[in-house]
Amino acid sequence: MAEFVGIGASRGGATWLSFMGMHGHDQVIALVLESPYDSIASTVDPAMHGALPLIFQKYDTNGIQPRDKIASIPKDLPILIVCVKDDRRVPFIKQKYAINQ
């Protein structure tokens, strides 16, 4: 059986966190994520929250959020998270939540 490493940046990294928390997968042996966020809403100014469904046409405010799935990721799965503290798109504090889980 083939093994692979999941790689994702920003939204792709957040998707990997959600996927692995919901489904896991024996063939995924590690994750390499660049600037994943804990939720889309947390990366956007609160004044803009009402506009999220307009900006992201398929955004569901009640949808899956990485922060709700992180705790279910297998604890023995190696995860490398690459980010910078002065990231203007995904603030470090929003990535820190994912890192600390």
C-alpha atoms as a PDB file:
ATOM      1  CA  MET A   1       0.000   0.000   0.000  1.00  0.00           C
ATOM      2  CA  ALA A   2       1.381   3.417  -0.992  1.00  0.00           C
ATOM      3  CA  GLU A   3       2.131   6.034   1.663  1.00  0.00           C
ATOM      4  CA  PHE A   4       2.089   9.763   1.091  1.00  0.00           C
ATOM      5  CA  VAL A   5       2.627  13.148   2.736  1.00  0.00           C
ATOM      6  CA  GLY A   6      -0.234  15.660   2.701  1.00  0.00           C
ATOM      7  CA  ILE A   7       0.919  19.130   1.646  1.00  0.00           C
ATOM      8  CA  GLY A   8      -1.180  22.296   1.756  1.00  0.00           C
ATOM      9  CA  ALA A   9      -0.867  26.058   1.986  1.00  0.00           C
ATOM     10  CA  SER A  10      -3.357  28.367   3.695  1.00  0.00           C
ATOM     11  CA  ARG A  11      -6.801  26.995   2.815  1.00  0.00           C
ATOM     12  CA  GLY A  12      -5.226  23.745   1.634  1.00  0.00           C
ATOM     13  CA  GLY A  13      -3.482  23.342   4.986  1.00  0.00           C
ATOM     14  CA  ALA A  14      -6.729  24.017   6.820  1.00  0.00           C
ATOM     15  CA  THR A  15      -8.446  21.431   4.621  1.00  0.00           C
ATOM     16  CA  TRP A  16      -5.833  18.816   5.531  1.00  0.00           C
ATOM     17  CA  LEU A  17      -6.366  19.544   9.240  1.00  0.00           C
ATOM     18  CA  SER A  18     -10.122  19.110   8.852  1.00  0.00           C
ATOM     19  CA  PHE A  19      -9.789  15.979   6.725  1.00  0.00           C
ATOM     20  CA  MET A  20      -7.356  14.238   9.038  1.00  0.00           C
ATOM     21  CA  GLY A  21      -9.446  15.180  12.079  1.00  0.00           C
ATOM     22  CA  MET A  22     -12.603  13.780  10.500  1.00  0.00           C
ATOM     23  CA  HIS A  23     -11.344  10.761   8.626  1.00  0.00           C
ATOM     24  CA  GLY A  24      -7.677  10.127   9.336  1.00  0.00           C
ATOM     25  CA  HIS A  25      -5.979   7.872   6.843  1.00  0.00           C
ATOM     26  CA  ASP A  26      -3.444   5.115   7.370  1.00  0.00           C
ATOM     27  CA  GLN A  27      -1.636   6.000   4.143  1.00  0.00           C
ATOM     28  CA  VAL A  28      -0.959   9.612   5.209  1.00  0.00           C
ATOM     29  CA  ILE A  29       2.360   9.422   7.060  1.00  0.00           C
ATOM     30  CA  ALA A  30       2.877  13.173   7.671  1.00  0.00           C
ATOM     31  CA  LEU A  31       1.541  16.655   6.921  1.00  0.00           C
ATOM     32  CA  VAL A  32       3.507  19.692   5.717  1.00  0.00           C
ATOM     33  CA  LEU A  33       1.346  22.796   6.040  1.00  0.00           C
ATOM     34  CA  GLU A  34       2.065  26.428   5.276  1.00  0.00           C
ATOM     35  CA  SER A  35       0.039  28.988   7.237  1.00  0.00           C
ATOM     36  CA  PRO A  36      -3.062  26.915   7.968  1.00  0.00           C
ATOM     37  CA  TYR A  37      -5.826  28.758   9.797  1.00  0.00           C
ATOM     38  CA  ASP A  38      -8.248  27.607  12.485  1.00  0.00           C
ATOM     39  CA  SER A  39     -11.324  29.026  10.695  1.00  0.00           C
ATOM     40  CA  ILE A  40     -11.990  31.406   7.807  1.00  0.00           C
ATOM     41  CA  ALA A  41     -13.967  33.719  10.074  1.00  0.00           C
ATOM     42  CA  SER A  42     -11.024  34.113  12.456  1.00  0.00           C
ATOM     43  CA  THR A  43      -8.775  35.385   9.664  1.00  0.00           C
ATOM     44  CA  VAL A  44     -11.213  38.097   8.573  1.00  0.00           C
ATOM     45  CA  ASP A  45     -11.901  41.368  10.360  1.00  0.00           C
ATOM     46  CA  PRO A  46     -15.058  40.900  12.486  1.00  0.00           C
ATOM     47  CA  ALA A  47     -16.707  43.802  10.655  1.00  0.00           C
ATOM     48  CA  MET A  48     -16.523  41.705   7.476  1.00  0.00           C
ATOM     49  CA  HIS A  49     -18.130  38.523   8.859  1.00  0.00           C
ATOM     50  CA  GLY A  50     -21.505  39.354   7.298  1.00  0.00           C
ATOM     51  CA  ALA A  51     -19.846  39.616   3.889  1.00  0.00           C
ATOM     52  CA  LEU A  52     -18.163  36.194   4.033  1.00  0.00           C
ATOM     53  CA  PRO A  53     -20.946  34.410   2.100  1.00  0.00           C
ATOM     54  CA  LEU A  54     -20.678  37.101  -0.592  1.00  0.00           C
ATOM     55  CA  ILE A  55     -16.889  36.918  -0.839  1.00  0.00           C
ATOM     56  CA  PHE A  56     -16.704  33.129  -0.576  1.00  0.00           C
ATOM     57  CA  GLN A  57     -19.761  32.014  -2.520  1.00  0.00           C
ATOM     58  CA  LYS A  58     -19.862  28.522  -1.027  1.00  0.00           C
ATOM     59  CA  TYR A  59     -18.939  29.563   2.527  1.00  0.00           C
ATOM     60  CA  ASP A  60     -21.195  27.957   5.121  1.00  0.00           C
ATOM     61  CA  THR A  61     -21.023  29.706   8.493  1.00  0.00           C
ATOM     62  CA  ASN A  62     -22.103  26.428  10.094  1.00  0.00           C
ATOM     63  CA  GLY A  63     -19.671  24.345   8.053  1.00  0.00           C
ATOM     64  CA  ILE A  64     -16.632  22.351   9.075  1.00  0.00           C
ATOM     65  CA  GLN A  65     -13.952  24.387  10.865  1.00  0.00           C
ATOM     66  CA  PRO A  66     -10.401  23.066  11.300  1.00  0.00           C
ATOM     67  CA  ARG A  67     -10.355  24.197  14.957  1.00  0.00           C
ATOM     68  CA  ASP A  68     -13.210  21.777  15.673  1.00  0.00           C
ATOM     69  CA  LYS A  69     -11.384  18.801  14.139  1.00  0.00           C
ATOM     70  CA  ILE A  70      -7.756  19.299  15.184  1.00  0.00           C
ATOM     71  CA  ALA A  71      -8.086  17.436  18.488  1.00  0.00           C
ATOM     72  CA  SER A  72      -9.142  14.286  16.586  1.00  0.00           C
ATOM     73  CA  ILE A  73      -6.005  14.097  14.437  1.00  0.00           C
ATOM     74  CA  PRO A  74      -3.928  11.057  15.404  1.00  0.00           C
ATOM     75  CA  LYS A  75      -1.352  12.225  17.963  1.00  0.00           C
ATOM     76  CA  ASP A  76       1.427  10.182  16.353  1.00  0.00           C
ATOM     77  CA  LEU A  77       1.060  11.891  12.943  1.00  0.00           C
ATOM     78  CA  PRO A  78       4.079  14.153  12.283  1.00  0.00           C
ATOM     79  CA  ILE A  79       2.920  17.657  11.279  1.00  0.00           C
ATOM     80  CA  LEU A  80       5.277  20.395  10.114  1.00  0.00           C
ATOM     81  CA  ILE A  81       3.658  23.848  10.143  1.00  0.00           C
ATOM     82  CA  VAL A  82       5.598  26.592   8.389  1.00  0.00           C
ATOM     83  CA  CYS A  83       4.584  30.195   8.980  1.00  0.00           C
ATOM     84  CA  VAL A  84       5.918  33.658   9.709  1.00  0.00           C
ATOM     85  CA  LYS A  85       4.904  35.937  12.556  1.00  0.00           C
ATOM     86  CA  ASP A  86       4.252  38.916  10.271  1.00  0.00           C
ATOM     87  CA  ASP A  87       1.970  37.083   7.812  1.00  0.00           C
ATOM     88  CA  ARG A  88      -0.617  39.629   6.627  1.00  0.00           C
ATOM     89  CA  ARG A  89      -3.107  37.110   5.214  1.00  0.00           C
ATOM     90  CA  VAL A  90      -3.259  34.582   8.023  1.00  0.00           C
ATOM     91  CA  PRO A  91      -2.236  36.228  11.302  1.00  0.00           C
ATOM     92  CA  PHE A  92       0.209  34.178  13.341  1.00  0.00           C
ATOM     93  CA  ILE A  93      -2.147  34.106  16.327  1.00  0.00           C
ATOM     94  CA  LYS A  94      -4.700  32.250  14.165  1.00  0.00           C
ATOM     95  CA  GLN A  95      -2.087  29.710  13.133  1.00  0.00           C
ATOM     96  CA  LYS A  96      -0.850  29.386  16.698  1.00  0.00           C
ATOM     97  CA  TYR A  97      -4.154  27.766  17.672  1.00  0.00           C
ATOM     98  CA  ALA A  98      -3.541  24.986  15.148  1.00  0.00           C
ATOM     99  CA  ILE A  99       0.057  24.616  16.282  1.00  0.00           C
ATOM    100  CA  ASN A 100      -0.845  24.344  19.977  1.00  0.00           C
ATOM    101  CA  GLN A 101      -3.450  21.652  19.448  1.00  0.00           C
END
